[in-house]
Each structure stands twice: as C-alpha cells, then as structure tokens.
Amino acid sequence: MATYDLVCLECGHVFEVFVQGFLKNEDRQCPSCGSFKTRQKFSPFLTNATSSSGDSPSASSGSGFS
C-alpha cells in the first residue's frame, strides 16, 4: 500500500491518498473541492540516524541508502 501526499492547485487543500500500486488520475481528486488539478507534495522523510545534539530521529533530504 502506497501513501501519496497531494496538494490541490485550486483550493490549496493538502490531503493523503492510500492506493495499492501507482497513483492513477482518478485518485488525484481533491476531497474538498472536487478538482483534479493537484500535484504531488514531496516532503523529507525520517531516518533512524541521530543528530549530534540529541538522540531523536532527524529529517533527511538524502536517499536514505548508504
């Protein structure tokens, strides 16, 4: 199951879509206004690496692979 974060270009609503496989056009409909004018929102993900100032997970903009 994949999770996609989308933002509506018409009303600005940010929402998540849970689908099996790839995101299809019909999955992109904004639940707030019904528009299909959306784009995928990319956000950093958490890794289990610790920062030098503490032991909590940090956001990473890298691939996460070593």
N, C-alpha and C. Protein backbone atom coordinates (compact mmCIF):
# COMPACT_ATOMS: atom_id res chain seq x y z
N MET A 1 0.86 -1.17 0.00
CA MET A 1 0.00 0.00 0.00
C MET A 1 0.91 1.23 0.00
N ALA A 2 0.63 2.15 -0.89
CA ALA A 2 1.43 3.38 -1.00
C ALA A 2 0.63 4.57 -0.49
N THR A 3 1.33 5.53 0.07
CA THR A 3 0.73 6.77 0.54
C THR A 3 1.28 7.92 -0.28
N TYR A 4 0.40 8.75 -0.79
CA TYR A 4 0.80 9.92 -1.56
C TYR A 4 0.23 11.17 -0.89
N ASP A 5 1.06 12.18 -0.73
CA ASP A 5 0.62 13.48 -0.23
C ASP A 5 0.40 14.37 -1.44
N LEU A 6 -0.81 14.93 -1.54
CA LEU A 6 -1.17 15.77 -2.67
C LEU A 6 -1.62 17.13 -2.17
N VAL A 7 -1.46 18.13 -3.02
CA VAL A 7 -1.98 19.47 -2.73
C VAL A 7 -2.83 19.90 -3.93
N CYS A 8 -4.00 20.46 -3.65
CA CYS A 8 -4.91 20.92 -4.69
C CYS A 8 -4.46 22.29 -5.16
N LEU A 9 -4.35 22.46 -6.47
CA LEU A 9 -3.94 23.73 -7.04
C LEU A 9 -5.09 24.73 -7.12
N GLU A 10 -6.32 24.26 -6.92
CA GLU A 10 -7.49 25.14 -6.95
C GLU A 10 -7.77 25.76 -5.58
N CYS A 11 -7.83 24.93 -4.54
CA CYS A 11 -8.23 25.43 -3.21
C CYS A 11 -7.11 25.37 -2.17
N GLY A 12 -5.98 24.71 -2.50
CA GLY A 12 -4.85 24.64 -1.58
C GLY A 12 -4.96 23.54 -0.54
N HIS A 13 -6.01 22.74 -0.60
CA HIS A 13 -6.21 21.65 0.37
C HIS A 13 -5.08 20.61 0.23
N VAL A 14 -4.50 20.19 1.35
CA VAL A 14 -3.46 19.16 1.36
C VAL A 14 -4.11 17.88 1.89
N PHE A 15 -3.92 16.77 1.18
CA PHE A 15 -4.57 15.53 1.57
C PHE A 15 -3.69 14.33 1.21
N GLU A 16 -3.99 13.20 1.84
CA GLU A 16 -3.27 11.95 1.59
C GLU A 16 -4.17 10.99 0.83
N VAL A 17 -3.55 10.20 -0.03
CA VAL A 17 -4.25 9.16 -0.78
C VAL A 17 -3.52 7.85 -0.52
N PHE A 18 -4.28 6.81 -0.16
CA PHE A 18 -3.72 5.48 0.06
C PHE A 18 -4.18 4.59 -1.09
N VAL A 19 -3.23 4.07 -1.85
CA VAL A 19 -3.58 3.22 -3.00
C VAL A 19 -2.65 2.01 -3.05
N GLN A 20 -3.13 0.97 -3.70
CA GLN A 20 -2.27 -0.17 -3.99
C GLN A 20 -1.67 0.06 -5.36
N GLY A 21 -0.36 0.06 -5.43
CA GLY A 21 0.30 0.30 -6.71
C GLY A 21 0.56 1.78 -6.94
N PHE A 22 0.44 2.18 -8.20
CA PHE A 22 0.76 3.55 -8.58
C PHE A 22 -0.45 4.46 -8.49
N LEU A 23 -0.20 5.74 -8.35
CA LEU A 23 -1.24 6.76 -8.29
C LEU A 23 -1.86 6.94 -9.67
N LYS A 24 -3.18 6.84 -9.75
CA LYS A 24 -3.90 7.00 -11.02
C LYS A 24 -4.58 8.37 -11.04
N ASN A 25 -4.97 8.82 -12.21
CA ASN A 25 -5.62 10.12 -12.33
C ASN A 25 -6.88 10.23 -11.47
N GLU A 26 -7.66 9.17 -11.39
CA GLU A 26 -8.89 9.23 -10.60
C GLU A 26 -8.62 9.32 -9.10
N ASP A 27 -7.42 8.95 -8.66
CA ASP A 27 -7.04 9.05 -7.25
C ASP A 27 -6.66 10.48 -6.86
N ARG A 28 -6.46 11.34 -7.85
CA ARG A 28 -5.96 12.70 -7.61
C ARG A 28 -7.06 13.71 -7.31
N GLN A 29 -8.30 13.31 -7.20
CA GLN A 29 -9.39 14.26 -7.00
C GLN A 29 -9.37 14.82 -5.58
N CYS A 30 -9.44 16.14 -5.48
CA CYS A 30 -9.44 16.82 -4.18
C CYS A 30 -10.75 16.52 -3.45
N PRO A 31 -10.67 16.02 -2.21
CA PRO A 31 -11.89 15.74 -1.46
C PRO A 31 -12.61 17.01 -1.00
N SER A 32 -11.94 18.13 -1.04
CA SER A 32 -12.53 19.38 -0.58
C SER A 32 -13.35 20.07 -1.66
N CYS A 33 -12.77 20.24 -2.87
CA CYS A 33 -13.47 20.98 -3.93
C CYS A 33 -13.79 20.14 -5.16
N GLY A 34 -13.25 18.92 -5.26
CA GLY A 34 -13.55 18.04 -6.38
C GLY A 34 -12.65 18.22 -7.59
N SER A 35 -11.70 19.14 -7.53
CA SER A 35 -10.81 19.41 -8.65
C SER A 35 -9.81 18.27 -8.85
N PHE A 36 -9.43 18.06 -10.10
CA PHE A 36 -8.38 17.09 -10.42
C PHE A 36 -7.04 17.80 -10.63
N LYS A 37 -7.01 19.12 -10.45
CA LYS A 37 -5.77 19.89 -10.61
C LYS A 37 -4.99 19.81 -9.30
N THR A 38 -4.22 18.74 -9.17
CA THR A 38 -3.43 18.51 -7.96
C THR A 38 -2.00 18.20 -8.35
N ARG A 39 -1.12 18.33 -7.38
CA ARG A 39 0.26 17.91 -7.62
C ARG A 39 0.74 17.17 -6.38
N GLN A 40 1.70 16.31 -6.61
CA GLN A 40 2.25 15.53 -5.51
C GLN A 40 3.15 16.39 -4.67
N LYS A 41 3.00 16.29 -3.37
CA LYS A 41 3.80 17.05 -2.43
C LYS A 41 4.91 16.14 -1.92
N PHE A 42 6.14 16.55 -2.12
CA PHE A 42 7.28 15.76 -1.65
C PHE A 42 7.78 16.36 -0.35
N SER A 43 7.95 15.53 0.64
CA SER A 43 8.43 16.01 1.93
C SER A 43 9.58 15.12 2.39
N PRO A 44 10.46 15.67 3.23
CA PRO A 44 11.56 14.85 3.74
C PRO A 44 11.02 13.71 4.60
N PHE A 45 11.77 12.66 4.68
CA PHE A 45 11.35 11.54 5.49
C PHE A 45 12.28 11.39 6.69
N LEU A 46 11.82 10.67 7.69
CA LEU A 46 12.63 10.46 8.88
C LEU A 46 13.53 9.25 8.69
N THR A 47 14.73 9.38 9.20
CA THR A 47 15.64 8.25 9.23
C THR A 47 15.88 7.89 10.68
N ASN A 48 16.47 6.76 10.92
CA ASN A 48 16.76 6.40 12.30
C ASN A 48 18.16 6.86 12.72
N ALA A 49 18.76 7.75 11.94
CA ALA A 49 20.04 8.35 12.32
C ALA A 49 19.79 9.40 13.39
N THR A 50 20.74 9.57 14.26
CA THR A 50 20.60 10.57 15.32
C THR A 50 21.42 11.81 14.98
N SER A 51 20.94 12.93 15.47
CA SER A 51 21.67 14.17 15.26
C SER A 51 22.75 14.30 16.32
N SER A 52 23.68 15.21 16.10
CA SER A 52 24.77 15.37 17.05
C SER A 52 24.31 16.03 18.34
N SER A 53 23.14 16.70 18.33
CA SER A 53 22.68 17.39 19.52
C SER A 53 21.70 16.56 20.34
N GLY A 54 21.33 15.40 19.88
CA GLY A 54 20.36 14.60 20.63
C GLY A 54 20.22 13.22 20.03
N ASP A 55 19.24 12.49 20.55
CA ASP A 55 19.06 11.14 20.06
C ASP A 55 17.70 10.93 19.43
N SER A 56 17.09 11.99 18.89
CA SER A 56 15.82 11.83 18.21
C SER A 56 16.06 11.73 16.71
N PRO A 57 15.14 11.07 15.98
CA PRO A 57 15.30 10.96 14.53
C PRO A 57 15.34 12.32 13.87
N SER A 58 16.05 12.40 12.78
CA SER A 58 16.17 13.67 12.07
C SER A 58 15.60 13.53 10.67
N ALA A 59 15.15 14.66 10.11
CA ALA A 59 14.67 14.67 8.74
C ALA A 59 15.85 14.60 7.80
N SER A 60 15.66 13.91 6.71
CA SER A 60 16.74 13.72 5.75
C SER A 60 16.27 14.10 4.37
N SER A 61 17.13 14.77 3.62
CA SER A 61 16.78 15.05 2.24
C SER A 61 17.52 14.11 1.30
N GLY A 62 18.29 13.19 1.85
CA GLY A 62 19.02 12.23 1.04
C GLY A 62 18.17 11.04 0.70
N SER A 63 18.79 10.06 0.08
CA SER A 63 18.06 8.88 -0.35
C SER A 63 17.82 7.90 0.79
N GLY A 64 18.62 7.99 1.86
CA GLY A 64 18.47 7.05 2.96
C GLY A 64 19.26 5.77 2.76
N PHE A 65 19.98 5.67 1.64
CA PHE A 65 20.77 4.48 1.36
C PHE A 65 22.25 4.80 1.55
N SER A 66 22.98 3.84 2.03
CA SER A 66 24.41 4.04 2.25
C SER A 66 25.20 3.22 1.27
